[in-house]
Amino acid sequence: MESTQCLLHPLAVLNISDHYSRSAARAADETQRAAVCVIGGLIGSQKGTEIEVFNSFELFVDASGVVNVDYLVRKAAHYKNVFHEHDVVGWYCAPKLASNFEANRTTIAEHSGNANLISLVLDPHTVGTDAYPFSAETPDAHPLNVKVASTDAEKIGIDHIARTVPKGGSASLQLTAHLGGVHSAVGKLSEGIQAICAYLQAVKSGKVPKDQVILRQVRSLCNRLPAGDANAKEKLLQDYNDVLLVTYLASLTKAANESNELVEKFNTVHEKHRRHRPF
């Protein structure tokens, strides 16, 4: 069955982009940077006509630009031992160089055990367009439709990475980045709860037929929630009051410190006037 679509997950996109960026950063000048070409393998699965790429790994190349076969075999076996449900579904290069493209595709296909590997190409020079810088094709050069797919957990992780501030940033920036990640996670949780409530209401009204498997999963989620009691409510209220008290004390301490600084400045100015007063 011929593949028609390639779904890229965020981890694979980040790994490929990082691989090229690091290699280009090590180039001594513009000439060497223009000649940079990185190659790696793609880990994923195939479902029908869709190939889903979850991860990637880097490959070494020799002086002629052809991949190191021994390293390829070891790396593919290592990923297969860790991710039993995934296989080597393709390979990537950034950018595409006609001199060794076919040779690398043939070599990787022969030693990965998959003759239907897709070829994914990253064009790092794509600017001024909203199109994806990735293109993919089958072994017979049939183009594939490339899309970026992600789960809710991956979206939260990518959002957290995007909001990460450099080390040494101000405390306010770090707090803002942390609260932004928490807000995103809470938002995803709220969307999930709303979807579950809408489904239960539709089942109750008869608009949607009952699915016992889904209902059991919802019941399992509800059972994970801690049962509320009076003691827990009192403890929560006590913690809330403690936080308010600490905030109030912090405000008083700050006001006292500012008042002390003002008094010290006034005394300093007053002493200067007394020293310069004529007798």
Protein backbone atom coordinates (compact mmCIF):
# COMPACT_ATOMS: atom_id res chain seq x y z
CA MET A 1 0.00 0.00 0.00
CA GLU A 2 1.47 3.32 -1.07
CA SER A 3 1.85 6.04 1.53
CA THR A 4 0.16 9.38 0.85
CA GLN A 5 0.82 11.40 4.00
CA CYS A 6 3.65 11.95 6.48
CA LEU A 7 2.81 13.11 10.00
CA LEU A 8 5.70 14.75 11.85
CA HIS A 9 5.64 14.97 15.65
CA PRO A 10 7.29 17.93 17.42
CA LEU A 11 10.20 15.89 18.84
CA ALA A 12 11.30 14.83 15.37
CA VAL A 13 11.03 18.41 14.08
CA LEU A 14 13.13 19.73 16.99
CA ASN A 15 15.77 17.01 16.64
CA ILE A 16 16.23 17.54 12.91
CA SER A 17 16.34 21.33 13.21
CA ASP A 18 18.78 21.14 16.13
CA HIS A 19 21.02 18.71 14.23
CA TYR A 20 21.38 21.11 11.32
CA SER A 21 21.72 24.21 13.51
CA ARG A 22 24.57 22.70 15.54
CA SER A 23 26.41 21.57 12.42
CA ALA A 24 26.01 24.96 10.74
CA ALA A 25 27.16 26.78 13.89
CA ARG A 26 30.45 24.82 13.85
CA ALA A 27 31.25 25.98 10.31
CA ALA A 28 34.21 28.35 10.12
CA ASP A 29 32.90 30.55 7.31
CA GLU A 30 30.00 31.03 4.92
CA THR A 31 31.47 28.63 2.37
CA GLN A 32 31.62 25.76 4.85
CA ARG A 33 28.18 26.65 6.21
CA ALA A 34 26.69 26.45 2.71
CA ALA A 35 28.20 22.97 2.27
CA VAL A 36 26.75 21.59 5.53
CA CYS A 37 24.47 18.58 5.04
CA VAL A 38 23.22 16.44 7.94
CA ILE A 39 21.66 12.99 7.68
CA GLY A 40 19.69 10.86 10.10
CA GLY A 41 17.03 8.18 10.51
CA LEU A 42 13.31 8.49 11.25
CA ILE A 43 11.55 6.41 13.90
CA GLY A 44 7.80 5.88 13.68
CA SER A 45 5.01 3.65 12.43
CA GLN A 46 2.78 3.23 9.42
CA LYS A 47 -1.01 3.13 9.71
CA GLY A 48 -2.71 2.56 6.41
CA THR A 49 -1.57 5.23 4.02
CA GLU A 50 -0.14 7.43 6.78
CA ILE A 51 3.43 7.32 8.04
CA GLU A 52 3.79 8.82 11.51
CA VAL A 53 7.27 10.00 12.57
CA PHE A 54 7.72 10.23 16.34
CA ASN A 55 11.47 10.61 16.73
CA SER A 56 14.75 10.74 14.83
CA PHE A 57 18.42 9.89 15.33
CA GLU A 58 21.58 11.31 13.84
CA LEU A 59 23.88 9.40 11.48
CA PHE A 60 27.57 9.80 10.76
CA VAL A 61 28.86 10.27 7.21
CA ASP A 62 32.28 9.63 5.73
CA ALA A 63 34.38 11.97 3.61
CA SER A 64 32.31 11.19 0.52
CA GLY A 65 29.04 12.06 2.31
CA VAL A 66 27.74 8.48 2.58
CA VAL A 67 26.38 7.23 5.92
CA ASN A 68 28.40 4.98 8.23
CA VAL A 69 26.73 1.57 7.92
CA ASP A 70 27.98 0.11 11.21
CA TYR A 71 26.67 3.04 13.21
CA LEU A 72 23.36 2.90 11.33
CA VAL A 73 22.83 -0.79 12.20
CA ARG A 74 23.72 -0.29 15.90
CA LYS A 75 21.52 2.79 16.26
CA ALA A 76 18.52 1.18 14.56
CA ALA A 77 18.82 -1.93 16.76
CA HIS A 78 19.07 0.24 19.88
CA TYR A 79 15.87 2.14 19.07
CA LYS A 80 14.08 -1.10 18.23
CA ASN A 81 14.98 -2.50 21.66
CA VAL A 82 13.70 0.61 23.42
CA PHE A 83 10.61 1.28 21.27
CA HIS A 84 9.28 -2.14 20.29
CA GLU A 85 6.22 -0.74 18.54
CA HIS A 86 8.25 1.62 16.30
CA ASP A 87 10.49 0.95 13.30
CA VAL A 88 12.83 2.84 11.03
CA VAL A 89 10.33 4.29 8.57
CA GLY A 90 12.58 6.70 6.72
CA TRP A 91 15.59 8.96 6.70
CA TYR A 92 16.16 12.72 6.57
CA CYS A 93 18.72 15.10 5.13
CA ALA A 94 19.11 18.84 5.53
CA PRO A 95 19.43 20.22 2.94
CA LYS A 96 19.11 17.93 -0.12
CA LEU A 97 22.36 17.38 -1.98
CA ALA A 98 22.02 15.63 -5.35
CA SER A 99 25.55 14.20 -5.18
CA ASN A 100 24.86 11.67 -2.40
CA PHE A 101 21.07 11.63 -2.04
CA GLU A 102 20.39 8.43 -4.00
CA ALA A 103 23.44 6.67 -2.54
CA ASN A 104 22.35 7.36 1.03
CA ARG A 105 18.74 6.36 0.35
CA THR A 106 19.87 3.04 -1.10
CA THR A 107 22.36 2.36 1.72
CA ILE A 108 19.89 3.12 4.51
CA ALA A 109 17.14 1.05 2.86
CA GLU A 110 19.45 -1.97 2.49
CA HIS A 111 20.68 -1.98 6.09
CA SER A 112 17.49 -0.96 7.91
CA GLY A 113 15.41 -3.86 6.65
CA ASN A 114 12.76 -1.57 5.14
CA ALA A 115 12.74 -1.11 1.37
CA ASN A 116 9.89 1.43 1.52
CA LEU A 117 11.69 4.15 3.43
CA ILE A 118 10.45 7.69 2.95
CA SER A 119 12.89 10.51 2.33
CA LEU A 120 12.36 13.67 4.38
CA VAL A 121 14.17 16.85 3.34
CA LEU A 122 14.57 19.99 5.44
CA ASP A 123 15.17 23.20 3.51
CA PRO A 124 16.82 25.50 6.10
CA HIS A 125 16.77 28.44 3.70
CA THR A 126 12.98 28.69 3.47
CA VAL A 127 12.04 32.22 4.55
CA GLY A 128 9.13 34.56 4.00
CA THR A 129 6.50 31.84 3.65
CA ASP A 130 4.05 30.01 5.87
CA ALA A 131 4.72 26.68 4.16
CA TYR A 132 6.51 23.92 6.07
CA PRO A 133 10.25 23.75 5.34
CA PHE A 134 9.90 19.95 5.15
CA SER A 135 9.16 17.87 2.06
CA ALA A 136 8.87 14.08 1.79
CA GLU A 137 8.72 11.48 -0.95
CA THR A 138 8.44 7.73 -1.39
CA PRO A 139 11.22 5.54 -2.84
CA ASP A 140 9.70 5.99 -6.32
CA ALA A 141 9.89 9.82 -5.91
CA HIS A 142 6.16 10.18 -5.25
CA PRO A 143 5.64 13.33 -3.12
CA LEU A 144 3.95 13.02 0.28
CA ASN A 145 1.75 15.52 2.04
CA VAL A 146 3.68 16.61 5.17
CA LYS A 147 1.76 17.68 8.28
CA VAL A 148 2.77 18.35 11.87
CA ALA A 149 0.76 16.29 14.36
CA SER A 150 0.96 16.42 18.15
CA THR A 151 -0.83 15.07 21.18
CA ASP A 152 -2.03 17.24 24.07
CA ALA A 153 1.01 16.25 26.14
CA GLU A 154 3.36 17.23 23.30
CA LYS A 155 1.60 20.58 22.90
CA ILE A 156 2.13 21.33 26.59
CA GLY A 157 5.79 20.30 26.36
CA ILE A 158 6.43 22.46 23.29
CA ASP A 159 4.70 25.40 24.94
CA HIS A 160 6.94 24.95 27.99
CA ILE A 161 10.06 24.89 25.80
CA ALA A 162 8.93 28.01 23.95
CA ARG A 163 8.45 29.88 27.22
CA THR A 164 11.76 28.83 28.79
CA VAL A 165 13.91 31.81 29.73
CA PRO A 166 17.73 31.79 29.68
CA LYS A 167 19.59 30.96 32.86
CA GLY A 168 20.24 34.08 34.87
CA GLY A 169 17.01 35.78 33.82
CA SER A 170 15.08 37.82 36.32
CA ALA A 171 12.85 36.10 38.84
CA SER A 172 9.78 37.76 37.30
CA LEU A 173 10.58 36.29 33.87
CA GLN A 174 11.10 32.83 35.34
CA LEU A 175 7.87 33.08 37.30
CA THR A 176 5.99 34.26 34.21
CA ALA A 177 7.34 31.35 32.17
CA HIS A 178 6.38 28.87 34.90
CA LEU A 179 2.89 30.30 35.33
CA GLY A 180 2.43 30.30 31.55
CA GLY A 181 3.15 26.58 31.42
CA VAL A 182 0.81 25.92 34.33
CA HIS A 183 -1.91 27.99 32.64
CA SER A 184 -1.53 26.00 29.43
CA ALA A 185 -1.74 22.70 31.32
CA VAL A 186 -4.84 23.83 33.21
CA GLY A 187 -6.39 24.95 29.94
CA LYS A 188 -5.88 21.53 28.39
CA LEU A 189 -7.34 19.90 31.49
CA SER A 190 -10.37 22.18 31.30
CA GLU A 191 -10.90 21.31 27.63
CA GLY A 192 -10.78 17.60 28.47
CA ILE A 193 -13.27 17.97 31.33
CA GLN A 194 -15.66 19.92 29.10
CA ALA A 195 -15.45 17.23 26.42
CA ILE A 196 -16.24 14.50 28.97
CA CYS A 197 -19.19 16.47 30.42
CA ALA A 198 -20.57 17.14 26.94
CA TYR A 199 -20.34 13.43 26.09
CA LEU A 200 -22.09 12.37 29.32
CA GLN A 201 -24.87 14.90 28.78
CA ALA A 202 -25.35 13.67 25.21
CA VAL A 203 -25.54 10.06 26.43
CA LYS A 204 -28.01 11.02 29.16
CA SER A 205 -30.28 12.83 26.71
CA GLY A 206 -30.12 9.95 24.23
CA LYS A 207 -28.37 11.90 21.46
CA VAL A 208 -25.35 9.59 21.59
CA PRO A 209 -25.56 5.81 22.12
CA LYS A 210 -23.94 4.40 25.24
CA ASP A 211 -20.43 3.06 24.94
CA GLN A 212 -19.64 0.98 27.99
CA VAL A 213 -15.88 1.13 27.36
CA ILE A 214 -15.86 4.95 27.38
CA LEU A 215 -18.16 5.08 30.40
CA ARG A 216 -15.87 2.74 32.35
CA GLN A 217 -12.89 4.93 31.47
CA VAL A 218 -14.75 8.01 32.72
CA ARG A 219 -15.64 6.14 35.90
CA SER A 220 -11.99 5.19 36.37
CA LEU A 221 -10.96 8.84 36.04
CA CYS A 222 -13.55 9.88 38.62
CA ASN A 223 -12.31 7.23 41.04
CA ARG A 224 -8.84 8.76 40.91
CA LEU A 225 -10.13 12.02 42.39
CA PRO A 226 -9.70 12.26 46.16
CA ALA A 227 -12.96 12.16 48.08
CA GLY A 228 -13.67 15.52 49.74
CA ASP A 229 -14.41 15.73 53.45
CA ALA A 230 -14.79 18.42 56.08
CA ASN A 231 -11.24 18.02 57.39
CA ALA A 232 -9.76 18.52 53.91
CA LYS A 233 -11.86 21.64 53.42
CA GLU A 234 -10.74 23.07 56.77
CA LYS A 235 -7.10 22.31 55.98
CA LEU A 236 -7.43 24.02 52.59
CA LEU A 237 -8.98 27.07 54.26
CA GLN A 238 -6.19 27.14 56.85
CA ASP A 239 -3.52 26.97 54.12
CA TYR A 240 -5.28 29.77 52.28
CA ASN A 241 -5.29 31.95 55.41
CA ASP A 242 -1.62 31.19 56.03
CA VAL A 243 -0.75 32.35 52.52
CA LEU A 244 -2.69 35.57 53.02
CA LEU A 245 -0.94 36.15 56.35
CA VAL A 246 2.50 35.64 54.83
CA THR A 247 1.62 38.05 52.02
CA TYR A 248 0.43 40.63 54.56
CA LEU A 249 3.63 40.27 56.62
CA ALA A 250 5.74 40.62 53.48
CA SER A 251 3.95 43.85 52.62
CA LEU A 252 4.51 45.19 56.15
CA THR A 253 8.18 44.25 56.02
CA LYS A 254 8.61 45.99 52.67
CA ALA A 255 6.88 49.15 53.94
CA ALA A 256 9.04 49.17 57.09
CA ASN A 257 12.21 48.78 55.03
CA GLU A 258 11.26 51.64 52.71
CA SER A 259 10.44 53.83 55.73
CA ASN A 260 13.81 53.01 57.29
CA GLU A 261 15.62 53.97 54.09
CA LEU A 262 13.72 57.27 53.97
CA VAL A 263 14.68 58.07 57.58
CA GLU A 264 18.34 57.28 56.88
CA LYS A 265 18.34 59.59 53.86
CA PHE A 266 16.70 62.37 55.88
CA ASN A 267 19.25 62.02 58.70
CA THR A 268 22.12 62.09 56.20
CA VAL A 269 20.87 65.29 54.57
CA HIS A 270 20.18 66.87 57.99
CA GLU A 271 23.71 66.07 59.23
CA LYS A 272 25.23 67.67 56.12
CA HIS A 273 23.29 70.90 56.75
CA ARG A 274 24.46 70.99 60.39
CA ARG A 275 28.13 70.56 59.41
CA HIS A 276 27.94 73.43 56.93
CA ARG A 277 26.05 75.80 59.31
CA PRO A 278 28.16 78.92 60.10
CA PHE A 279 28.89 79.75 63.74
